[in-house]
Protein backbone atom coordinates (compact mmCIF):
# COMPACT_ATOMS: atom_id res chain seq x y z
CA ARG A 1 0.00 0.00 0.00
CA LEU A 2 2.74 2.43 0.95
CA LEU A 3 4.68 1.58 -2.20
CA ARG A 4 1.62 2.25 -4.38
CA LEU A 5 1.06 5.63 -2.71
CA ARG A 6 4.73 6.45 -3.12
CA LYS A 7 4.61 5.66 -6.85
CA GLU A 8 1.54 7.87 -7.29
CA MET A 9 3.17 10.73 -5.42
CA LEU A 10 6.43 10.36 -7.39
CA ARG A 11 4.49 10.55 -10.66
CA GLU A 12 2.79 13.75 -9.48
CA GLN A 13 6.09 15.16 -8.28
CA GLU A 14 7.75 14.57 -11.64
CA GLU A 15 5.01 16.60 -13.28
CA THR A 16 4.94 19.49 -10.80
CA GLY A 17 8.22 19.39 -8.89
CA ARG A 18 6.22 18.70 -5.73
CA ALA A 19 3.53 16.18 -4.96
CA GLU A 20 0.19 17.92 -4.53
CA ILE A 21 -3.06 16.64 -3.14
CA ILE A 22 -6.20 18.72 -2.86
CA SER A 23 -8.21 17.77 0.18
CA PRO A 24 -11.30 19.27 1.78
CA SER A 25 -10.79 21.30 4.92
CA MET A 26 -13.09 20.57 7.84
CA SER A 27 -12.37 23.98 9.33
CA SER A 28 -13.79 25.84 6.33
CA ASN A 29 -15.64 25.30 3.06
CA GLU A 30 -12.49 25.87 1.02
CA ASN A 31 -9.78 23.36 0.07
CA TRP A 32 -6.20 23.15 1.31
CA ILE A 33 -3.48 22.23 -1.14
CA LEU A 34 -0.92 19.84 0.29
CA GLN A 35 2.65 19.97 -1.04
CA VAL A 36 5.11 17.33 0.12
CA ASP A 37 8.83 17.48 -0.64
CA GLN A 38 10.73 14.45 -1.93
CA VAL A 39 12.94 14.29 1.18
CA VAL A 40 9.85 13.44 3.25
CA TYR A 41 9.17 10.30 1.19
CA LYS A 42 12.83 9.29 1.32
CA PHE A 43 12.75 9.57 5.11
CA LEU A 44 9.53 7.54 5.33
CA GLU A 45 11.17 4.72 3.37
CA LYS A 46 13.97 4.45 5.94
CA ILE A 47 11.86 4.11 9.09
CA PRO A 48 9.78 1.11 10.26
CA ARG A 49 6.71 0.50 8.11
CA LYS A 50 4.20 0.94 10.93
CA ASN A 51 5.59 4.39 11.76
CA SER A 52 5.82 5.31 8.10
CA GLU A 53 2.18 4.42 7.43
CA ARG A 54 1.02 6.39 10.47
CA LEU A 55 3.01 9.48 9.47
CA LEU A 56 1.80 9.24 5.87
CA PHE A 57 -1.81 9.04 7.10
CA ILE A 58 -1.32 12.14 9.25
CA ILE A 59 0.33 14.03 6.38
CA LYS A 60 -2.21 13.07 3.70
CA GLN A 61 -5.43 12.96 5.74
CA ARG A 62 -5.20 14.92 8.98
CA LEU A 63 -3.09 17.94 7.97
CA PRO A 64 -5.35 18.93 5.03
CA GLU A 65 -8.46 18.52 7.20
CA ASN A 66 -7.15 20.86 9.90
CA PRO A 67 -3.50 21.96 9.84
CA PHE A 68 -3.82 23.40 13.35
CA GLY A 69 -5.32 20.25 14.92
CA GLY A 70 -3.42 17.77 17.06
CA ASP A 71 -0.19 18.57 18.84
CA VAL A 72 0.83 21.49 16.61
CA GLN A 73 3.10 24.33 17.65
CA LYS A 74 4.51 27.28 15.83
CA MET A 75 8.29 27.13 15.42
CA GLY A 76 10.03 30.00 17.16
CA GLY A 77 11.91 32.45 14.97
CA PHE A 78 9.87 31.68 11.86
CA GLN A 79 6.75 33.38 10.57
CA ASN A 80 4.77 30.50 9.01
CA ILE A 81 6.64 27.35 10.07
CA TRP A 82 4.84 24.83 12.27
CA ARG A 83 5.55 21.37 13.61
CA ARG A 84 3.21 18.52 14.48
CA ARG A 85 4.25 15.91 17.02
CA VAL A 86 3.38 12.32 16.16
CA SER A 87 4.83 10.01 18.83
CA ALA A 88 8.65 10.23 18.48
CA TYR A 89 8.48 12.04 15.12
CA ARG A 90 8.03 15.67 14.13
CA ILE A 91 6.39 16.78 10.90
CA LYS A 92 7.58 20.26 9.92
CA PHE A 93 5.47 22.29 7.54
CA GLU A 94 4.78 25.78 6.28
CA ILE A 95 1.27 27.21 6.12
CA ILE A 96 0.44 29.83 3.53
CA LYS A 97 -3.02 30.94 4.63
CA GLU A 98 -3.70 33.31 1.72
CA GLU A 99 -3.25 30.50 -0.82
CA LYS A 100 -4.57 27.70 1.46
CA VAL A 101 -1.30 25.76 1.03
CA ILE A 102 0.35 23.35 3.45
CA HIS A 103 3.96 22.64 2.46
CA VAL A 104 5.45 19.64 4.29
CA PHE A 105 9.22 19.92 3.96
CA ARG A 106 10.67 17.65 6.66
CA VAL A 107 9.92 14.74 8.97
CA GLU A 108 12.40 13.98 11.74
CA ARG A 109 12.73 11.56 14.60
CA ARG A 110 12.81 13.43 17.89
CA THR A 111 16.22 13.15 19.51
CA SER A 112 18.22 15.40 21.78
CA LYS A 113 19.57 17.09 18.62
CA THR A 114 16.23 17.61 16.83
CA TYR A 115 15.67 21.15 18.05
């Protein structure tokens, strides 16, 4: 399942430079556009499958529904950069409210050097 999703996203990325998914937002009647960088998928391939599937579900389903839901905090020193905590992992993303875009640019395992 994860491999099939990865192939679909790679095909989209080749066409646009970033993988994009348009998903409905539960917090408004408008849609959020989700952009996911290639480095995120590379990281997901390297971690255990169970964790990878959970993170991919959060990125593809939960973030577009409500990017401010869950354990989300604004990153200090940045204007539009946020992070979402998912167990031992952190999903870092940028929110561009005017364009309704969520740009996921990094996923990291939380260690003493993460922040």
